[in-house]
Amino acid sequence: MAVTEHVIERATAPAVDAEPVEIVERKGLGHPDTLCDAVAEAIATALGRAYRQRTGAMAPMNVDKALLAAGASTPRFGGGTVDAPMHLVLGGRASAGPLGGLRAVEELAIGAARSWLGEHLRFVDPERHVRFQSELRPCSSELTHVLERGVARANDTSVGVGYAPFSRLERTVLDVERWLNGEVLRGRHPEVGEDIKVLGVRRGDALDLTLAIAFVDQLIGSQAHYFRRKQELSALVAERVQQSDLFASVQVHINTLDDPSRPDGMYLTVLGTSAEAGDDGQVGRGNRVNGFIAFNRPNSLEAAAGKNPVSHVGKIYNVLAHRIAAALVEEVPTVNEATVWLVSQIGRPIDEPMLARAALGISGERAFASVQDDADRVLAAELRHLDQLVAKLSDGAVPVY
């Protein structure tokens, strides 16, 4: 039986909220990179469901390779045209036998991609606006055995990283994008497309937010209308952030490339996403598994979306590391911040990582040896219950982008 090495130590860096400068970014629902992550994850969930229905268990697969090449469009006030479709290339490996062959795998994958895009992008018709290309291939013969030995084993040597709690800037960036893409705001401002990017910079207690928002041209009647709506949105975002009382000052900037002196100096789109013409996307280039990119934090470069939820530690350990960090802060007295690293070794049972390391921010005078004991128990308990997380990941119930 493999033994996991636990390393529990004091954090040497100050809490992120105490750092003088902090930077956080979130790529919203309609951003091309997020679209690729979402489609890959939808395909992985659909394949896993099909495997379980056919055989009662997950089969080897990783569909974490997708590339979205932008199409072409001509936005106009009141409604423009889509001149060439987006091109979505689906890649990865999947077990074909349980589903009756590679053709069935490809049909299922493209169907899952179409469904997700149709459900989440109001103005995109996947039949007309997206061209799909499947480059899915059978699994490596060596990796087909990782699910055949009684317990799932790591199919890669990798590192997962997580931390808790979220800083005030991290919470704010996440909230602003979700609110802008939510039903309440959309009812007031339907011209806001799903492609929204939020970059937050905190200097001390001062917040500066820069947003890129794809406006939908059919809902904008003129240049004056566009700039008026943009100004209204800036005020609404600033008001929402100020209500949280987390920052001494808030500055909001939207679509800073806009130029009123040019007829085309506005961020207008036909479909509400820059993928229609201006920007390509790829799995793994967007948000980390907690929904944003935090530049003051350690991060894994693994692309979690589309990976096997039962055996690929690039997905499992990144989600688990965040959960362990949250449990350490919640359950261990005097711990106010935690960062967790989980190191896998290919072939080891997934509930027995090679190394589990936690760096803890401590407040108060409690003896650190006692903190270490409590933290060690939390680590062990979270690993024992890993099967519960795997089940949720398999159902697509845990967001990874």
Protein backbone atom coordinates (compact mmCIF):
# COMPACT_ATOMS: atom_id res chain seq x y z
CA MET A 1 0.00 0.00 0.00
CA ALA A 2 1.37 3.42 -0.96
CA VAL A 3 1.77 5.97 1.83
CA THR A 4 1.05 9.65 1.28
CA GLU A 5 3.63 12.02 2.71
CA HIS A 6 1.98 14.92 4.55
CA VAL A 7 3.90 18.19 4.93
CA ILE A 8 2.20 20.82 7.11
CA GLU A 9 4.04 24.11 7.44
CA ARG A 10 3.57 27.76 8.29
CA ALA A 11 2.94 30.09 5.38
CA THR A 12 5.89 32.42 4.89
CA ALA A 13 4.10 34.98 2.71
CA PRO A 14 1.51 37.45 4.01
CA ALA A 15 -2.18 36.82 3.37
CA VAL A 16 -3.13 37.80 -0.17
CA ASP A 17 -5.56 40.44 1.12
CA ALA A 18 -2.63 42.10 2.90
CA GLU A 19 -0.41 42.35 -0.18
CA PRO A 20 -0.07 45.91 -1.52
CA VAL A 21 -1.04 44.96 -5.09
CA GLU A 22 -3.29 42.12 -6.26
CA ILE A 23 -4.43 41.12 -9.76
CA VAL A 24 -7.31 38.77 -10.67
CA GLU A 25 -8.96 37.96 -14.00
CA ARG A 26 -12.10 36.07 -15.01
CA LYS A 27 -13.00 35.07 -18.54
CA GLY A 28 -16.78 34.98 -18.69
CA LEU A 29 -19.22 32.44 -20.03
CA GLY A 30 -19.00 33.52 -23.68
CA HIS A 31 -15.25 34.08 -23.88
CA PRO A 32 -13.68 31.80 -26.53
CA ASP A 33 -11.38 30.09 -24.01
CA THR A 34 -14.28 29.49 -21.63
CA LEU A 35 -16.39 28.15 -24.49
CA CYS A 36 -13.71 25.55 -25.20
CA ASP A 37 -13.50 24.56 -21.53
CA ALA A 38 -17.27 24.32 -21.26
CA VAL A 39 -17.66 22.24 -24.41
CA ALA A 40 -14.86 19.86 -23.41
CA GLU A 41 -16.42 19.38 -19.98
CA ALA A 42 -19.87 18.83 -21.48
CA ILE A 43 -18.43 16.15 -23.76
CA ALA A 44 -16.61 14.44 -20.88
CA THR A 45 -19.81 14.38 -18.82
CA ALA A 46 -21.84 13.01 -21.73
CA LEU A 47 -19.29 10.30 -22.48
CA GLY A 48 -19.07 9.29 -18.84
CA ARG A 49 -22.84 9.05 -18.60
CA ALA A 50 -22.97 6.90 -21.75
CA TYR A 51 -20.22 4.59 -20.51
CA ARG A 52 -21.98 4.07 -17.18
CA GLN A 53 -25.29 3.37 -18.92
CA ARG A 54 -23.69 0.79 -21.24
CA THR A 55 -21.20 -0.91 -18.90
CA GLY A 56 -21.96 0.30 -15.37
CA ALA A 57 -18.59 2.02 -15.03
CA MET A 58 -16.43 4.81 -16.40
CA ALA A 59 -14.19 3.92 -19.35
CA PRO A 60 -10.80 5.45 -20.13
CA MET A 61 -11.12 8.80 -21.90
CA ASN A 62 -9.75 12.32 -21.87
CA VAL A 63 -11.34 14.88 -24.17
CA ASP A 64 -9.44 17.92 -22.94
CA LYS A 65 -8.27 19.20 -26.31
CA ALA A 66 -10.48 21.69 -28.14
CA LEU A 67 -9.59 24.61 -30.38
CA LEU A 68 -12.04 27.28 -31.49
CA ALA A 69 -11.08 29.26 -34.60
CA ALA A 70 -13.02 32.48 -34.95
CA GLY A 71 -15.43 32.97 -37.82
CA ALA A 72 -16.23 36.21 -39.63
CA SER A 73 -19.01 38.73 -39.09
CA THR A 74 -20.13 42.23 -40.00
CA PRO A 75 -21.80 43.92 -37.01
CA ARG A 76 -24.20 46.79 -37.69
CA PHE A 77 -26.56 48.87 -35.59
CA GLY A 78 -29.86 47.04 -35.48
CA GLY A 79 -28.34 43.73 -36.57
CA GLY A 80 -25.43 42.60 -38.73
CA THR A 81 -24.48 39.36 -40.45
CA VAL A 82 -22.44 36.26 -39.74
CA ASP A 83 -20.28 35.82 -42.83
CA ALA A 84 -18.41 32.63 -41.91
CA PRO A 85 -19.02 30.14 -39.10
CA MET A 86 -16.77 29.50 -36.14
CA HIS A 87 -14.71 26.33 -36.45
CA LEU A 88 -14.56 24.10 -33.37
CA VAL A 89 -12.01 21.26 -33.44
CA LEU A 90 -12.55 18.54 -30.83
CA GLY A 91 -9.56 16.45 -29.78
CA GLY A 92 -8.57 13.90 -27.19
CA ARG A 93 -8.92 10.19 -26.55
CA ALA A 94 -11.98 8.10 -25.82
CA SER A 95 -12.85 4.42 -25.49
CA ALA A 96 -14.84 3.55 -28.58
CA GLY A 97 -15.76 -0.08 -27.91
CA PRO A 98 -18.40 0.46 -25.20
CA LEU A 99 -20.33 2.84 -27.47
CA GLY A 100 -20.09 0.78 -30.65
CA GLY A 101 -17.19 2.48 -32.38
CA LEU A 102 -15.47 5.79 -32.94
CA ARG A 103 -18.29 7.17 -35.10
CA ALA A 104 -20.70 6.86 -32.16
CA VAL A 105 -18.20 8.63 -29.90
CA GLU A 106 -17.89 11.49 -32.38
CA GLU A 107 -21.64 11.85 -32.79
CA LEU A 108 -22.14 11.95 -29.04
CA ALA A 109 -19.34 14.50 -28.60
CA ILE A 110 -20.60 16.85 -31.31
CA GLY A 111 -24.14 16.52 -29.99
CA ALA A 112 -23.01 17.48 -26.48
CA ALA A 113 -21.10 20.46 -27.85
CA ARG A 114 -24.08 21.66 -29.89
CA SER A 115 -26.39 21.30 -26.91
CA TRP A 116 -24.17 23.32 -24.58
CA LEU A 117 -23.66 26.14 -27.06
CA GLY A 118 -27.35 26.29 -27.89
CA GLU A 119 -28.38 26.38 -24.23
CA HIS A 120 -25.90 29.02 -23.05
CA LEU A 121 -25.43 31.46 -25.93
CA ARG A 122 -28.68 33.26 -26.74
CA PHE A 123 -27.78 34.38 -30.24
CA VAL A 124 -25.72 31.41 -31.45
CA ASP A 125 -27.38 28.77 -33.60
CA PRO A 126 -24.93 25.84 -33.43
CA GLU A 127 -26.28 24.41 -36.68
CA ARG A 128 -25.56 27.58 -38.68
CA HIS A 129 -22.88 29.43 -36.76
CA VAL A 130 -20.46 26.64 -35.78
CA ARG A 131 -18.64 24.08 -37.91
CA PHE A 132 -17.55 21.03 -35.91
CA GLN A 133 -14.52 18.87 -36.64
CA SER A 134 -13.81 15.75 -34.59
CA GLU A 135 -10.21 14.63 -34.16
CA LEU A 136 -11.03 12.23 -31.32
CA ARG A 137 -8.92 9.08 -31.27
CA PRO A 138 -8.88 5.77 -29.32
CA CYS A 139 -7.15 5.66 -25.93
CA SER A 140 -3.54 4.63 -25.40
CA SER A 141 -3.43 0.88 -24.78
CA GLU A 142 -1.24 1.38 -21.69
CA LEU A 143 -3.62 3.87 -20.07
CA THR A 144 -6.67 1.66 -20.64
CA HIS A 145 -5.58 -0.37 -17.59
CA VAL A 146 -5.75 2.43 -14.99
CA LEU A 147 -9.44 1.67 -14.33
CA GLU A 148 -9.10 -2.12 -14.33
CA ARG A 149 -7.37 -2.85 -11.03
CA GLY A 150 -10.17 -2.44 -8.52
CA VAL A 151 -9.40 1.16 -7.59
CA ALA A 152 -8.85 4.04 -9.99
CA ARG A 153 -5.20 4.89 -10.41
CA ALA A 154 -3.64 8.16 -11.48
CA ASN A 155 -3.22 8.24 -15.24
CA ASP A 156 -0.66 11.03 -15.05
CA THR A 157 2.06 12.50 -12.86
CA SER A 158 0.78 15.94 -12.04
CA VAL A 159 0.25 18.61 -9.38
CA GLY A 160 -2.99 20.11 -8.10
CA VAL A 161 -3.04 23.44 -6.25
CA GLY A 162 -5.78 25.08 -4.20
CA TYR A 163 -6.25 27.82 -1.63
CA ALA A 164 -8.79 29.37 0.70
CA PRO A 165 -10.43 31.65 1.50
CA PHE A 166 -10.90 33.76 -1.61
CA SER A 167 -9.63 37.31 -1.24
CA ARG A 168 -12.00 40.28 -1.47
CA LEU A 169 -10.75 40.96 -5.00
CA GLU A 170 -11.21 37.34 -6.08
CA ARG A 171 -14.77 37.34 -4.74
CA THR A 172 -15.53 40.65 -6.43
CA VAL A 173 -14.23 39.69 -9.88
CA LEU A 174 -16.16 36.42 -9.75
CA ASP A 175 -19.33 38.18 -8.62
CA VAL A 176 -19.20 40.96 -11.22
CA GLU A 177 -18.96 38.59 -14.18
CA ARG A 178 -21.65 36.24 -12.89
CA TRP A 179 -23.95 39.17 -12.17
CA LEU A 180 -23.44 40.67 -15.63
CA ASN A 181 -24.21 37.27 -17.16
CA GLY A 182 -27.15 36.67 -14.85
CA GLU A 183 -30.87 36.85 -15.53
CA VAL A 184 -31.55 39.95 -13.42
CA LEU A 185 -29.06 42.20 -15.20
CA ARG A 186 -29.92 40.69 -18.57
CA GLY A 187 -33.53 41.69 -18.09
CA ARG A 188 -32.44 45.33 -17.85
CA HIS A 189 -29.59 45.18 -20.35
CA PRO A 190 -30.21 42.42 -22.90
CA GLU A 191 -27.62 44.01 -25.18
CA VAL A 192 -24.86 42.60 -22.95
CA GLY A 193 -23.44 39.55 -24.71
CA GLU A 194 -22.19 36.48 -22.89
CA ASP A 195 -18.55 37.28 -23.75
CA ILE A 196 -17.40 39.28 -20.73
CA LYS A 197 -13.90 39.53 -19.31
CA VAL A 198 -13.17 41.16 -15.96
CA LEU A 199 -9.69 42.18 -14.82
CA GLY A 200 -9.39 43.53 -11.30
CA VAL A 201 -6.38 45.36 -9.88
CA ARG A 202 -6.30 46.22 -6.19
CA ARG A 203 -3.79 48.77 -4.93
CA GLY A 204 -4.14 48.82 -1.18
CA ASP A 205 -7.86 49.47 -0.67
CA ALA A 206 -8.41 51.00 -4.12
CA LEU A 207 -10.03 48.85 -6.81
CA ASP A 208 -9.68 49.28 -10.56
CA LEU A 209 -11.90 47.09 -12.77
CA THR A 210 -11.41 46.81 -16.52
CA LEU A 211 -14.18 45.00 -18.38
CA ALA A 212 -14.47 43.82 -21.95
CA ILE A 213 -18.15 43.38 -22.82
CA ALA A 214 -19.39 42.20 -26.22
CA PHE A 215 -22.48 44.27 -27.05
CA VAL A 216 -25.11 42.63 -29.28
CA ASP A 217 -25.62 44.81 -32.35
CA GLN A 218 -29.31 44.05 -32.98
CA LEU A 219 -30.10 45.63 -29.60
CA ILE A 220 -28.06 48.79 -30.20
CA GLY A 221 -29.63 51.42 -32.44
CA SER A 222 -26.87 53.99 -32.78
CA GLN A 223 -23.45 55.10 -31.61
CA ALA A 224 -25.04 57.38 -29.02
CA HIS A 225 -27.16 54.48 -27.78
CA TYR A 226 -24.05 52.31 -27.41
CA PHE A 227 -22.09 54.83 -25.37
CA ARG A 228 -25.12 55.65 -23.24
CA ARG A 229 -25.65 51.99 -22.39
CA LYS A 230 -21.95 51.55 -21.66
CA GLN A 231 -22.02 54.49 -19.26
CA GLU A 232 -25.09 53.04 -17.52
CA LEU A 233 -23.35 49.68 -17.11
CA SER A 234 -20.24 51.32 -15.65
CA ALA A 235 -22.37 53.05 -13.04
CA LEU A 236 -24.26 49.84 -12.21
CA VAL A 237 -21.06 47.83 -11.76
CA ALA A 238 -19.51 50.53 -9.57
CA GLU A 239 -22.67 50.71 -7.47
CA ARG A 240 -22.75 46.94 -6.96
CA VAL A 241 -19.12 46.79 -5.87
CA GLN A 242 -19.44 49.80 -3.59
CA GLN A 243 -22.37 48.16 -1.82
CA SER A 244 -20.02 45.41 -0.64
CA ASP A 245 -18.01 48.01 1.31
CA LEU A 246 -14.79 46.09 0.60
CA PHE A 247 -12.84 48.90 -1.05
CA ALA A 248 -12.19 52.56 -0.28
CA SER A 249 -12.58 53.53 -3.93
CA VAL A 250 -13.81 51.84 -7.12
CA GLN A 251 -13.01 52.71 -10.72
CA VAL A 252 -14.79 50.89 -13.58
CA HIS A 253 -13.64 50.95 -17.21
CA ILE A 254 -15.56 49.20 -20.02
CA ASN A 255 -14.27 48.55 -23.54
CA THR A 256 -11.31 50.90 -23.28
CA LEU A 257 -10.41 50.49 -26.97
CA ASP A 258 -13.60 52.34 -27.96
CA ASP A 259 -13.12 55.48 -30.02
CA PRO A 260 -16.20 57.71 -30.61
CA SER A 261 -14.42 59.43 -33.51
CA ARG A 262 -14.41 56.22 -35.57
CA PRO A 263 -17.54 54.57 -37.07
CA ASP A 264 -16.21 51.15 -36.06
CA GLY A 265 -14.80 52.28 -32.72
CA MET A 266 -17.15 50.14 -30.61
CA TYR A 267 -17.16 46.56 -29.35
CA LEU A 268 -20.21 45.37 -31.30
CA THR A 269 -20.92 41.73 -32.11
CA VAL A 270 -23.68 39.89 -33.92
CA LEU A 271 -23.75 36.85 -31.61
CA GLY A 272 -22.50 38.23 -28.29
CA THR A 273 -19.07 36.59 -28.43
CA SER A 274 -15.75 37.66 -29.93
CA ALA A 275 -15.39 34.10 -31.26
CA GLU A 276 -17.68 35.09 -34.13
CA ALA A 277 -14.87 37.07 -35.74
CA GLY A 278 -12.08 38.42 -33.59
CA ASP A 279 -10.77 35.91 -31.08
CA ASP A 280 -9.87 32.22 -30.99
CA GLY A 281 -10.10 29.91 -27.99
CA GLN A 282 -8.45 26.85 -26.51
CA VAL A 283 -8.99 24.50 -23.57
CA GLY A 284 -6.83 25.36 -20.57
CA ARG A 285 -6.13 29.00 -21.41
CA GLY A 286 -8.94 30.35 -19.29
CA ASN A 287 -10.04 30.26 -15.68
CA ARG A 288 -8.65 27.81 -13.16
CA VAL A 289 -11.05 25.32 -11.54
CA ASN A 290 -12.26 27.94 -9.04
CA GLY A 291 -13.50 30.23 -11.80
CA PHE A 292 -10.76 32.83 -12.15
CA ILE A 293 -7.04 33.41 -12.66
CA ALA A 294 -5.35 34.78 -9.54
CA PHE A 295 -1.91 36.15 -10.38
CA ASN A 296 -0.84 36.45 -6.72
CA ARG A 297 -1.47 32.76 -6.06
CA PRO A 298 0.29 29.54 -7.01
CA ASN A 299 -1.56 27.91 -9.89
CA SER A 300 -1.49 24.64 -11.76
CA LEU A 301 -1.24 24.88 -15.53
CA GLU A 302 -3.32 21.73 -15.99
CA ALA A 303 -6.38 22.01 -18.20
CA ALA A 304 -9.02 20.40 -15.98
CA ALA A 305 -11.97 20.65 -18.37
CA GLY A 306 -12.60 17.49 -20.36
CA LYS A 307 -10.32 15.28 -18.31
CA ASN A 308 -11.46 11.93 -16.93
CA PRO A 309 -13.26 12.63 -13.61
CA VAL A 310 -12.39 9.20 -12.21
CA SER A 311 -8.69 8.85 -12.91
CA HIS A 312 -7.14 12.08 -14.17
CA VAL A 313 -5.48 13.85 -11.29
CA GLY A 314 -5.07 16.99 -13.39
CA LYS A 315 -8.78 17.51 -12.80
CA ILE A 316 -9.38 15.71 -9.50
CA TYR A 317 -6.45 17.07 -7.51
CA ASN A 318 -6.97 20.70 -8.50
CA VAL A 319 -10.58 20.60 -7.33
CA LEU A 320 -9.67 18.56 -4.26
CA ALA A 321 -6.85 20.92 -3.27
CA HIS A 322 -9.29 23.83 -3.11
CA ARG A 323 -11.69 21.75 -1.03
CA ILE A 324 -8.98 20.70 1.39
CA ALA A 325 -7.83 24.31 1.76
CA ALA A 326 -11.39 25.42 2.53
CA ALA A 327 -11.79 22.61 5.07
CA LEU A 328 -8.53 23.57 6.79
CA VAL A 329 -9.68 27.17 7.21
CA GLU A 330 -13.14 26.13 8.39
CA GLU A 331 -12.20 23.26 10.70
CA VAL A 332 -8.76 24.04 12.17
CA PRO A 333 -8.79 26.75 14.87
CA THR A 334 -6.46 29.74 14.24
CA VAL A 335 -5.93 28.87 10.54
CA ASN A 336 -7.03 31.90 8.50
CA GLU A 337 -5.51 31.02 5.12
CA ALA A 338 -4.39 27.77 3.51
CA THR A 339 -2.63 26.75 0.32
CA VAL A 340 -2.54 23.07 -0.63
CA TRP A 341 -0.45 21.14 -3.14
CA LEU A 342 -1.26 17.54 -4.13
CA VAL A 343 1.35 15.60 -6.12
CA SER A 344 0.36 12.49 -8.03
CA GLN A 345 2.46 9.67 -9.41
CA ILE A 346 1.18 7.77 -12.40
CA GLY A 347 -0.15 4.36 -11.40
CA ARG A 348 -0.75 5.16 -7.72
CA PRO A 349 -4.32 4.96 -6.36
CA ILE A 350 -5.86 8.40 -6.72
CA ASP A 351 -6.74 8.54 -3.01
CA GLU A 352 -3.05 8.09 -2.13
CA PRO A 353 -1.12 11.00 -3.67
CA MET A 354 2.64 10.88 -3.42
CA LEU A 355 2.71 14.16 -1.48
CA ALA A 356 0.17 16.41 0.22
CA ARG A 357 1.56 19.76 1.33
CA ALA A 358 -0.28 22.53 3.16
CA ALA A 359 1.03 26.01 3.97
CA LEU A 360 -1.07 27.61 6.70
CA GLY A 361 -1.55 31.21 7.70
CA ILE A 362 -1.98 31.30 11.48
CA SER A 363 -3.52 33.85 13.83
CA GLY A 364 -3.29 33.62 17.60
CA GLU A 365 -0.86 31.90 19.96
CA ARG A 366 -1.85 28.26 19.56
CA ALA A 367 1.07 25.84 19.43
CA PHE A 368 1.85 24.95 15.83
CA ALA A 369 2.30 21.27 16.65
CA SER A 370 -1.37 21.17 17.65
CA VAL A 371 -2.33 22.94 14.43
CA GLN A 372 -0.33 20.38 12.46
CA ASP A 373 -2.15 17.49 14.11
CA ASP A 374 -5.56 18.95 13.29
CA ALA A 375 -4.53 19.79 9.74
CA ASP A 376 -3.19 16.28 9.23
CA ARG A 377 -6.55 14.83 10.27
CA VAL A 378 -8.40 17.12 7.84
CA LEU A 379 -6.11 16.08 4.99
CA ALA A 380 -6.60 12.40 5.73
CA ALA A 381 -10.39 12.76 6.00
CA GLU A 382 -10.69 14.61 2.68
CA LEU A 383 -8.67 11.91 0.92
CA ARG A 384 -10.80 9.17 2.47
CA HIS A 385 -13.93 10.81 1.05
CA LEU A 386 -12.46 11.39 -2.40
CA ASP A 387 -15.00 9.00 -3.94
CA GLN A 388 -17.77 11.50 -3.13
CA LEU A 389 -15.99 14.25 -5.06
CA VAL A 390 -15.31 11.89 -7.98
CA ALA A 391 -19.02 11.04 -8.16
CA LYS A 392 -19.94 14.74 -8.34
CA LEU A 393 -17.30 15.41 -10.98
CA SER A 394 -18.62 12.47 -13.01
CA ASP A 395 -22.11 13.98 -12.96
CA GLY A 396 -20.82 17.37 -14.07
CA ALA A 397 -22.00 18.83 -10.76
CA VAL A 398 -18.71 20.58 -9.94
CA PRO A 399 -17.72 23.53 -12.15
CA VAL A 400 -14.11 23.50 -13.34
CA TYR A 401 -13.96 26.79 -15.26
